[in-house]
């Protein structure tokens, strides 16, 4: 394990200490958790954008999309615990 030094202004350090105390953690553990949560969020956001870009590229390549009414109906059925058939794609190829 390596050591990294961070510099916190007095106000931020006091806020970290207070928040850590409220959660029953040391300031060190609180900071580690904050870093881990930020990292997880950043990685999840990057994966979301990667997936969105891939899906957009597929739409551009195939021209296939699903009508909003069909997608909404499918999602609502899933929320009710049903196993609906996916709505058919429509083609908007140029």
PDB file of N, CA and C in Angstrom:
ATOM      1  N   UNK A   1       0.849  -1.170   0.000  1.00  0.00           N
ATOM      2  CA  UNK A   1       0.000   0.000   0.000  1.00  0.00           C
ATOM      3  C   UNK A   1       0.898   1.237   0.000  1.00  0.00           C
ATOM      4  N   UNK A   2       0.513   2.217  -0.774  1.00  0.00           N
ATOM      5  CA  UNK A   2       1.301   3.442  -0.844  1.00  0.00           C
ATOM      6  C   UNK A   2       0.623   4.541  -0.037  1.00  0.00           C
ATOM      7  N   UNK A   3       1.342   5.596   0.198  1.00  0.00           N
ATOM      8  CA  UNK A   3       0.833   6.746   0.927  1.00  0.00           C
ATOM      9  C   UNK A   3       0.729   7.921  -0.023  1.00  0.00           C
ATOM     10  N   UNK A   4      -0.386   8.625   0.064  1.00  0.00           N
ATOM     11  CA  UNK A   4      -0.594   9.835  -0.715  1.00  0.00           C
ATOM     12  C   UNK A   4      -0.933  10.954   0.256  1.00  0.00           C
ATOM     13  N   UNK A   5      -0.329  12.080   0.075  1.00  0.00           N
ATOM     14  CA  UNK A   5      -0.597  13.224   0.941  1.00  0.00           C
ATOM     15  C   UNK A   5      -1.537  14.178   0.221  1.00  0.00           C
ATOM     16  N   UNK A   6      -2.565  14.625   0.944  1.00  0.00           N
ATOM     17  CA  UNK A   6      -3.453  15.653   0.389  1.00  0.00           C
ATOM     18  C   UNK A   6      -3.453  16.830   1.363  1.00  0.00           C
ATOM     19  N   UNK A   7      -3.623  17.987   0.811  1.00  0.00           N
ATOM     20  CA  UNK A   7      -3.680  19.187   1.636  1.00  0.00           C
ATOM     21  C   UNK A   7      -5.119  19.692   1.632  1.00  0.00           C
ATOM     22  N   UNK A   8      -5.665  19.861   2.815  1.00  0.00           N
ATOM     23  CA  UNK A   8      -7.027  20.359   2.967  1.00  0.00           C
ATOM     24  C   UNK A   8      -6.981  21.692   3.693  1.00  0.00           C
ATOM     25  N   UNK A   9      -7.779  22.644   3.223  1.00  0.00           N
ATOM     26  CA  UNK A   9      -7.834  23.890   3.993  1.00  0.00           C
ATOM     27  C   UNK A   9      -8.553  23.597   5.312  1.00  0.00           C
ATOM     28  N   UNK A  10      -8.400  24.460   6.268  1.00  0.00           N
ATOM     29  CA  UNK A  10      -8.915  24.209   7.614  1.00  0.00           C
ATOM     30  C   UNK A  10     -10.422  23.977   7.634  1.00  0.00           C
ATOM     31  N   UNK A  11     -11.141  24.744   6.815  1.00  0.00           N
ATOM     32  CA  UNK A  11     -12.596  24.594   6.777  1.00  0.00           C
ATOM     33  C   UNK A  11     -13.020  23.226   6.266  1.00  0.00           C
ATOM     34  N   UNK A  12     -12.396  22.785   5.192  1.00  0.00           N
ATOM     35  CA  UNK A  12     -12.733  21.472   4.630  1.00  0.00           C
ATOM     36  C   UNK A  12     -12.339  20.360   5.593  1.00  0.00           C
ATOM     37  N   UNK A  13     -11.184  20.507   6.214  1.00  0.00           N
ATOM     38  CA  UNK A  13     -10.739  19.497   7.178  1.00  0.00           C
ATOM     39  C   UNK A  13     -11.728  19.378   8.336  1.00  0.00           C
ATOM     40  N   UNK A  14     -12.238  20.497   8.814  1.00  0.00           N
ATOM     41  CA  UNK A  14     -13.219  20.483   9.898  1.00  0.00           C
ATOM     42  C   UNK A  14     -14.526  19.822   9.455  1.00  0.00           C
ATOM     43  N   UNK A  15     -14.951  20.123   8.232  1.00  0.00           N
ATOM     44  CA  UNK A  15     -16.171  19.505   7.707  1.00  0.00           C
ATOM     45  C   UNK A  15     -16.009  18.002   7.569  1.00  0.00           C
ATOM     46  N   UNK A  16     -14.842  17.556   7.073  1.00  0.00           N
ATOM     47  CA  UNK A  16     -14.567  16.121   6.946  1.00  0.00           C
ATOM     48  C   UNK A  16     -14.594  15.471   8.323  1.00  0.00           C
ATOM     49  N   UNK A  17     -13.948  16.089   9.292  1.00  0.00           N
ATOM     50  CA  UNK A  17     -13.910  15.527  10.642  1.00  0.00           C
ATOM     51  C   UNK A  17     -15.311  15.417  11.228  1.00  0.00           C
ATOM     52  N   UNK A  18     -16.127  16.441  11.034  1.00  0.00           N
ATOM     53  CA  UNK A  18     -17.494  16.419  11.564  1.00  0.00           C
ATOM     54  C   UNK A  18     -18.340  15.349  10.874  1.00  0.00           C
ATOM     55  N   UNK A  19     -18.225  15.272   9.558  1.00  0.00           N
ATOM     56  CA  UNK A  19     -18.993  14.263   8.815  1.00  0.00           C
ATOM     57  C   UNK A  19     -18.535  12.864   9.192  1.00  0.00           C
ATOM     58  N   UNK A  20     -17.246  12.673   9.343  1.00  0.00           N
ATOM     59  CA  UNK A  20     -16.716  11.360   9.727  1.00  0.00           C
ATOM     60  C   UNK A  20     -17.236  10.975  11.103  1.00  0.00           C
ATOM     61  N   UNK A  21     -17.238  11.912  12.024  1.00  0.00           N
ATOM     62  CA  UNK A  21     -17.735  11.627  13.374  1.00  0.00           C
ATOM     63  C   UNK A  21     -19.210  11.238  13.349  1.00  0.00           C
ATOM     64  N   UNK A  22     -20.000  11.930  12.518  1.00  0.00           N
ATOM     65  CA  UNK A  22     -21.434  11.601  12.418  1.00  0.00           C
ATOM     66  C   UNK A  22     -21.657  10.187  11.894  1.00  0.00           C
ATOM     67  N   UNK A  23     -20.753   9.716  11.053  1.00  0.00           N
ATOM     68  CA  UNK A  23     -20.905   8.374  10.476  1.00  0.00           C
ATOM     69  C   UNK A  23     -20.161   7.313  11.275  1.00  0.00           C
ATOM     70  N   UNK A  24     -19.485   7.734  12.342  1.00  0.00           N
ATOM     71  CA  UNK A  24     -18.767   6.772  13.169  1.00  0.00           C
ATOM     72  C   UNK A  24     -17.479   6.276  12.532  1.00  0.00           C
ATOM     73  N   UNK A  25     -16.915   7.060  11.631  1.00  0.00           N
ATOM     74  CA  UNK A  25     -15.686   6.678  10.940  1.00  0.00           C
ATOM     75  C   UNK A  25     -14.567   7.632  11.324  1.00  0.00           C
ATOM     76  N   UNK A  26     -13.361   7.194  11.073  1.00  0.00           N
ATOM     77  CA  UNK A  26     -12.236   8.110  11.195  1.00  0.00           C
ATOM     78  C   UNK A  26     -12.241   9.008   9.965  1.00  0.00           C
ATOM     79  N   UNK A  27     -11.549  10.143  10.069  1.00  0.00           N
ATOM     80  CA  UNK A  27     -11.447  11.028   8.907  1.00  0.00           C
ATOM     81  C   UNK A  27     -10.776  10.297   7.751  1.00  0.00           C
ATOM     82  N   UNK A  28      -9.783   9.476   8.055  1.00  0.00           N
ATOM     83  CA  UNK A  28      -9.086   8.699   7.033  1.00  0.00           C
ATOM     84  C   UNK A  28     -10.056   7.768   6.297  1.00  0.00           C
ATOM     85  N   UNK A  29     -10.851   7.012   7.061  1.00  0.00           N
ATOM     86  CA  UNK A  29     -11.812   6.090   6.443  1.00  0.00           C
ATOM     87  C   UNK A  29     -12.859   6.853   5.633  1.00  0.00           C
ATOM     88  N   UNK A  30     -13.281   8.000   6.158  1.00  0.00           N
ATOM     89  CA  UNK A  30     -14.271   8.812   5.455  1.00  0.00           C
ATOM     90  C   UNK A  30     -13.723   9.289   4.111  1.00  0.00           C
ATOM     91  N   UNK A  31     -12.479   9.757   4.110  1.00  0.00           N
ATOM     92  CA  UNK A  31     -11.857  10.226   2.869  1.00  0.00           C
ATOM     93  C   UNK A  31     -11.683   9.082   1.883  1.00  0.00           C
ATOM     94  N   UNK A  32     -11.255   7.908   2.371  1.00  0.00           N
ATOM     95  CA  UNK A  32     -11.116   6.747   1.478  1.00  0.00           C
ATOM     96  C   UNK A  32     -12.457   6.381   0.852  1.00  0.00           C
ATOM     97  N   UNK A  33     -13.530   6.385   1.663  1.00  0.00           N
ATOM     98  CA  UNK A  33     -14.862   6.080   1.132  1.00  0.00           C
ATOM     99  C   UNK A  33     -15.291   7.105   0.089  1.00  0.00           C
ATOM    100  N   UNK A  34     -14.998   8.372   0.353  1.00  0.00           N
ATOM    101  CA  UNK A  34     -15.366   9.430  -0.600  1.00  0.00           C
ATOM    102  C   UNK A  34     -14.637   9.239  -1.930  1.00  0.00           C
ATOM    103  N   UNK A  35     -13.367   8.897  -1.854  1.00  0.00           N
ATOM    104  CA  UNK A  35     -12.599   8.662  -3.078  1.00  0.00           C
ATOM    105  C   UNK A  35     -13.164   7.457  -3.824  1.00  0.00           C
ATOM    106  N   UNK A  36     -13.441   6.361  -3.099  1.00  0.00           N
ATOM    107  CA  UNK A  36     -13.966   5.150  -3.739  1.00  0.00           C
ATOM    108  C   UNK A  36     -15.324   5.420  -4.387  1.00  0.00           C
ATOM    109  N   UNK A  37     -16.207   6.163  -3.704  1.00  0.00           N
ATOM    110  CA  UNK A  37     -17.529   6.469  -4.266  1.00  0.00           C
ATOM    111  C   UNK A  37     -17.411   7.349  -5.506  1.00  0.00           C
ATOM    112  N   UNK A  38     -16.530   8.323  -5.465  1.00  0.00           N
ATOM    113  CA  UNK A  38     -16.330   9.193  -6.625  1.00  0.00           C
ATOM    114  C   UNK A  38     -15.776   8.401  -7.798  1.00  0.00           C
ATOM    115  N   UNK A  39     -14.848   7.522  -7.517  1.00  0.00           N
ATOM    116  CA  UNK A  39     -14.270   6.679  -8.564  1.00  0.00           C
ATOM    117  C   UNK A  39     -15.330   5.774  -9.179  1.00  0.00           C
ATOM    118  N   UNK A  40     -16.146   5.125  -8.337  1.00  0.00           N
ATOM    119  CA  UNK A  40     -17.222   4.266  -8.851  1.00  0.00           C
ATOM    120  C   UNK A  40     -18.191   5.065  -9.715  1.00  0.00           C
ATOM    121  N   UNK A  41     -18.550   6.262  -9.267  1.00  0.00           N
ATOM    122  CA  UNK A  41     -19.456   7.111 -10.035  1.00  0.00           C
ATOM    123  C   UNK A  41     -18.849   7.486 -11.386  1.00  0.00           C
ATOM    124  N   UNK A  42     -17.589   7.877 -11.368  1.00  0.00           N
ATOM    125  CA  UNK A  42     -16.900   8.276 -12.592  1.00  0.00           C
ATOM    126  C   UNK A  42     -16.791   7.107 -13.572  1.00  0.00           C
ATOM    127  N   UNK A  43     -16.465   5.923 -13.059  1.00  0.00           N
ATOM    128  CA  UNK A  43     -16.368   4.739 -13.924  1.00  0.00           C
ATOM    129  C   UNK A  43     -17.732   4.341 -14.477  1.00  0.00           C
ATOM    130  N   UNK A  44     -18.780   4.428 -13.644  1.00  0.00           N
ATOM    131  CA  UNK A  44     -20.131   4.100 -14.117  1.00  0.00           C
ATOM    132  C   UNK A  44     -20.578   5.090 -15.191  1.00  0.00           C
ATOM    133  N   UNK A  45     -20.264   6.364 -14.990  1.00  0.00           N
ATOM    134  CA  UNK A  45     -20.620   7.378 -15.979  1.00  0.00           C
ATOM    135  C   UNK A  45     -19.891   7.142 -17.302  1.00  0.00           C
ATOM    136  N   UNK A  46     -18.623   6.770 -17.228  1.00  0.00           N
ATOM    137  CA  UNK A  46     -17.858   6.473 -18.449  1.00  0.00           C
ATOM    138  C   UNK A  46     -18.451   5.267 -19.166  1.00  0.00           C
ATOM    139  N   UNK A  47     -18.849   4.238 -18.427  1.00  0.00           N
ATOM    140  CA  UNK A  47     -19.464   3.057 -19.041  1.00  0.00           C
ATOM    141  C   UNK A  47     -20.806   3.416 -19.675  1.00  0.00           C
ATOM    142  N   UNK A  48     -21.582   4.270 -19.003  1.00  0.00           N
ATOM    143  CA  UNK A  48     -22.859   4.729 -19.553  1.00  0.00           C
ATOM    144  C   UNK A  48     -22.644   5.423 -20.897  1.00  0.00           C
ATOM    145  N   UNK A  49     -21.658   6.306 -20.958  1.00  0.00           N
ATOM    146  CA  UNK A  49     -21.377   7.022 -22.210  1.00  0.00           C
ATOM    147  C   UNK A  49     -20.838   6.077 -23.290  1.00  0.00           C
ATOM    148  N   UNK A  50     -20.026   5.099 -22.892  1.00  0.00           N
ATOM    149  CA  UNK A  50     -19.525   4.126 -23.858  1.00  0.00           C
ATOM    150  C   UNK A  50     -20.693   3.347 -24.460  1.00  0.00           C
ATOM    151  N   UNK A  51     -21.620   2.907 -23.611  1.00  0.00           N
ATOM    152  CA  UNK A  51     -22.771   2.152 -24.082  1.00  0.00           C
ATOM    153  C   UNK A  51     -23.682   3.023 -24.949  1.00  0.00           C
ATOM    154  N   UNK A  52     -23.898   4.262 -24.530  1.00  0.00           N
ATOM    155  CA  UNK A  52     -24.738   5.168 -25.311  1.00  0.00           C
ATOM    156  C   UNK A  52     -24.124   5.426 -26.690  1.00  0.00           C
ATOM    157  N   UNK A  53     -22.812   5.632 -26.733  1.00  0.00           N
ATOM    158  CA  UNK A  53     -22.139   5.858 -28.022  1.00  0.00           C
ATOM    159  C   UNK A  53     -22.255   4.633 -28.922  1.00  0.00           C
ATOM    160  N   UNK A  54     -22.124   3.440 -28.332  1.00  0.00           N
ATOM    161  CA  UNK A  54     -22.235   2.206 -29.118  1.00  0.00           C
ATOM    162  C   UNK A  54     -23.652   2.046 -29.659  1.00  0.00           C
ATOM    163  N   UNK A  55     -24.633   2.334 -28.829  1.00  0.00           N
ATOM    164  CA  UNK A  55     -26.028   2.207 -29.288  1.00  0.00           C
ATOM    165  C   UNK A  55     -26.352   3.249 -30.354  1.00  0.00           C
ATOM    166  N   UNK A  56     -25.832   4.460 -30.192  1.00  0.00           N
ATOM    167  CA  UNK A  56     -26.058   5.496 -31.205  1.00  0.00           C
ATOM    168  C   UNK A  56     -25.416   5.093 -32.524  1.00  0.00           C
ATOM    169  N   UNK A  57     -24.213   4.522 -32.457  1.00  0.00           N
ATOM    170  CA  UNK A  57     -23.539   4.064 -33.674  1.00  0.00           C
ATOM    171  C   UNK A  57     -24.362   2.973 -34.357  1.00  0.00           C
ATOM    172  N   UNK A  58     -24.966   2.100 -33.568  1.00  0.00           N
ATOM    173  CA  UNK A  58     -25.810   1.046 -34.142  1.00  0.00           C
ATOM    174  C   UNK A  58     -27.039   1.633 -34.823  1.00  0.00           C
ATOM    175  N   UNK A  59     -27.644   2.636 -34.202  1.00  0.00           N
ATOM    176  CA  UNK A  59     -28.800   3.295 -34.820  1.00  0.00           C
ATOM    177  C   UNK A  59     -28.389   3.936 -36.144  1.00  0.00           C
ATOM    178  N   UNK A  60     -27.245   4.616 -36.140  1.00  0.00           N
ATOM    179  CA  UNK A  60     -26.784   5.255 -37.372  1.00  0.00           C
ATOM    180  C   UNK A  60     -26.468   4.230 -38.454  1.00  0.00           C
ATOM    181  N   UNK A  61     -25.942   3.064 -38.047  1.00  0.00           N
ATOM    182  CA  UNK A  61     -25.567   2.035 -39.023  1.00  0.00           C
ATOM    183  C   UNK A  61     -26.778   1.299 -39.576  1.00  0.00           C
ATOM    184  N   UNK A  62     -27.773   1.039 -38.730  1.00  0.00           N
ATOM    185  CA  UNK A  62     -28.910   0.221 -39.158  1.00  0.00           C
ATOM    186  C   UNK A  62     -30.150   1.027 -39.489  1.00  0.00           C
ATOM    187  N   UNK A  63     -30.269   2.213 -38.884  1.00  0.00           N
ATOM    188  CA  UNK A  63     -31.483   3.005 -39.062  1.00  0.00           C
ATOM    189  C   UNK A  63     -32.644   2.495 -38.242  1.00  0.00           C
ATOM    190  N   UNK A  64     -32.403   1.471 -37.410  1.00  0.00           N
ATOM    191  CA  UNK A  64     -33.499   0.879 -36.637  1.00  0.00           C
ATOM    192  C   UNK A  64     -33.672   1.566 -35.288  1.00  0.00           C
ATOM    193  N   UNK A  65     -34.938   1.905 -35.011  1.00  0.00           N
ATOM    194  CA  UNK A  65     -35.321   2.461 -33.718  1.00  0.00           C
ATOM    195  C   UNK A  65     -36.637   1.804 -33.308  1.00  0.00           C
ATOM    196  N   UNK A  66     -37.072   2.092 -32.102  1.00  0.00           N
ATOM    197  CA  UNK A  66     -38.355   1.584 -31.610  1.00  0.00           C
ATOM    198  C   UNK A  66     -39.229   2.785 -31.316  1.00  0.00           C
ATOM    199  N   UNK A  67     -40.479   2.722 -31.721  1.00  0.00           N
ATOM    200  CA  UNK A  67     -41.412   3.817 -31.459  1.00  0.00           C
ATOM    201  C   UNK A  67     -41.573   3.998 -29.955  1.00  0.00           C
ATOM    202  N   UNK A  68     -41.682   5.258 -29.516  1.00  0.00           N
ATOM    203  CA  UNK A  68     -41.796   5.542 -28.092  1.00  0.00           C
ATOM    204  C   UNK A  68     -42.997   4.836 -27.469  1.00  0.00           C
ATOM    205  N   UNK A  69     -44.129   4.831 -28.124  1.00  0.00           N
ATOM    206  CA  UNK A  69     -45.312   4.186 -27.548  1.00  0.00           C
ATOM    207  C   UNK A  69     -45.054   2.704 -27.294  1.00  0.00           C
ATOM    208  N   UNK A  70     -44.403   2.039 -28.223  1.00  0.00           N
ATOM    209  CA  UNK A  70     -44.089   0.622 -28.046  1.00  0.00           C
ATOM    210  C   UNK A  70     -43.089   0.400 -26.929  1.00  0.00           C
ATOM    211  N   UNK A  71     -42.070   1.253 -26.853  1.00  0.00           N
ATOM    212  CA  UNK A  71     -41.068   1.131 -25.791  1.00  0.00           C
ATOM    213  C   UNK A  71     -41.705   1.384 -24.432  1.00  0.00           C
ATOM    214  N   UNK A  72     -42.545   2.394 -24.340  1.00  0.00           N
ATOM    215  CA  UNK A  72     -43.207   2.728 -23.075  1.00  0.00           C
ATOM    216  C   UNK A  72     -44.104   1.586 -22.619  1.00  0.00           C
ATOM    217  N   UNK A  73     -44.870   1.041 -23.530  1.00  0.00           N
ATOM    218  CA  UNK A  73     -45.752  -0.082 -23.195  1.00  0.00           C
ATOM    219  C   UNK A  73     -44.935  -1.285 -22.705  1.00  0.00           C
ATOM    220  N   UNK A  74     -43.820  -1.560 -23.379  1.00  0.00           N
ATOM    221  CA  UNK A  74     -42.953  -2.677 -22.987  1.00  0.00           C
ATOM    222  C   UNK A  74     -42.402  -2.455 -21.586  1.00  0.00           C
ATOM    223  N   UNK A  75     -41.906  -1.236 -21.302  1.00  0.00           N
ATOM    224  CA  UNK A  75     -41.357  -0.929 -19.983  1.00  0.00           C
ATOM    225  C   UNK A  75     -42.409  -1.026 -18.888  1.00  0.00           C
ATOM    226  N   UNK A  76     -43.604  -0.511 -19.164  1.00  0.00           N
ATOM    227  CA  UNK A  76     -44.669  -0.578 -18.168  1.00  0.00           C
ATOM    228  C   UNK A  76     -45.065  -2.025 -17.882  1.00  0.00           C
ATOM    229  N   UNK A  77     -45.077  -2.860 -18.908  1.00  0.00           N
ATOM    230  CA  UNK A  77     -45.378  -4.283 -18.711  1.00  0.00           C
ATOM    231  C   UNK A  77     -44.312  -4.934 -17.835  1.00  0.00           C
ATOM    232  N   UNK A  78     -43.056  -4.600 -18.087  1.00  0.00           N
ATOM    233  CA  UNK A  78     -41.952  -5.144 -17.269  1.00  0.00           C
ATOM    234  C   UNK A  78     -42.107  -4.726 -15.812  1.00  0.00           C
ATOM    235  N   UNK A  79     -42.506  -3.472 -15.586  1.00  0.00           N
ATOM    236  CA  UNK A  79     -42.695  -2.982 -14.220  1.00  0.00           C
ATOM    237  C   UNK A  79     -43.821  -3.721 -13.503  1.00  0.00           C
ATOM    238  N   UNK A  80     -44.805  -4.183 -14.263  1.00  0.00           N
ATOM    239  CA  UNK A  80     -45.903  -4.966 -13.671  1.00  0.00           C
ATOM    240  C   UNK A  80     -45.502  -6.425 -13.448  1.00  0.00           C
ATOM    241  N   UNK A  81     -44.266  -6.783 -13.801  1.00  0.00           N
ATOM    242  CA  UNK A  81     -43.792  -8.142 -13.610  1.00  0.00           C
ATOM    243  C   UNK A  81     -44.114  -9.072 -14.768  1.00  0.00           C
ATOM    244  N   UNK A  82     -44.609  -8.531 -15.845  1.00  0.00           N
ATOM    245  CA  UNK A  82     -44.934  -9.338 -17.014  1.00  0.00           C
ATOM    246  C   UNK A  82     -43.678  -9.565 -17.858  1.00  0.00           C
ATOM    247  N   UNK A  83     -43.777 -10.483 -18.810  1.00  0.00           N
ATOM    248  CA  UNK A  83     -42.674 -10.755 -19.736  1.00  0.00           C
ATOM    249  C   UNK A  83     -43.171 -10.448 -21.149  1.00  0.00           C
ATOM    250  N   UNK A  84     -43.202  -9.178 -21.499  1.00  0.00           N
ATOM    251  CA  UNK A  84     -43.746  -8.794 -22.807  1.00  0.00           C
ATOM    252  C   UNK A  84     -42.775  -9.094 -23.944  1.00  0.00           C
ATOM    253  N   UNK A  85     -43.318  -9.189 -25.139  1.00  0.00           N
ATOM    254  CA  UNK A  85     -42.507  -9.339 -26.347  1.00  0.00           C
ATOM    255  C   UNK A  85     -41.960  -7.960 -26.685  1.00  0.00           C
ATOM    256  N   UNK A  86     -40.683  -7.893 -27.039  1.00  0.00           N
ATOM    257  CA  UNK A  86     -40.088  -6.606 -27.379  1.00  0.00           C
ATOM    258  C   UNK A  86     -40.790  -6.018 -28.596  1.00  0.00           C
ATOM    259  N   UNK A  87     -40.983  -4.704 -28.608  1.00  0.00           N
ATOM    260  CA  UNK A  87     -41.640  -4.080 -29.766  1.00  0.00           C
ATOM    261  C   UNK A  87     -40.746  -4.185 -30.999  1.00  0.00           C
ATOM    262  N   UNK A  88     -41.355  -4.298 -32.166  1.00  0.00           N
ATOM    263  CA  UNK A  88     -40.554  -4.433 -33.391  1.00  0.00           C
ATOM    264  C   UNK A  88     -39.857  -3.124 -33.736  1.00  0.00           C
ATOM    265  N   UNK A  89     -38.661  -3.234 -34.299  1.00  0.00           N
ATOM    266  CA  UNK A  89     -37.961  -2.007 -34.707  1.00  0.00           C
ATOM    267  C   UNK A  89     -38.573  -1.452 -35.988  1.00  0.00           C
ATOM    268  N   UNK A  90     -38.405  -0.182 -36.142  1.00  0.00           N
ATOM    269  CA  UNK A  90     -38.797   0.470 -37.402  1.00  0.00           C
ATOM    270  C   UNK A  90     -37.511   0.986 -38.020  1.00  0.00           C
ATOM    271  N   UNK A  91     -37.479   1.047 -39.325  1.00  0.00           N
ATOM    272  CA  UNK A  91     -36.234   1.416 -40.001  1.00  0.00           C
ATOM    273  C   UNK A  91     -36.337   2.823 -40.551  1.00  0.00           C
ATOM    274  N   UNK A  92     -35.331   3.627 -40.214  1.00  0.00           N
ATOM    275  CA  UNK A  92     -35.259   5.005 -40.700  1.00  0.00           C
ATOM    276  C   UNK A  92     -34.018   5.210 -41.532  1.00  0.00           C
ATOM    277  N   UNK A  93     -33.544   4.135 -42.153  1.00  0.00           N
ATOM    278  CA  UNK A  93     -32.321   4.228 -42.969  1.00  0.00           C
ATOM    279  C   UNK A  93     -32.533   5.221 -44.093  1.00  0.00           C
ATOM    280  N   UNK A  94     -31.450   5.895 -44.396  1.00  0.00           N
ATOM    281  CA  UNK A  94     -31.544   6.922 -45.458  1.00  0.00           C
ATOM    282  C   UNK A  94     -31.278   6.322 -46.808  1.00  0.00           C
TER     283      UNK A  94
END
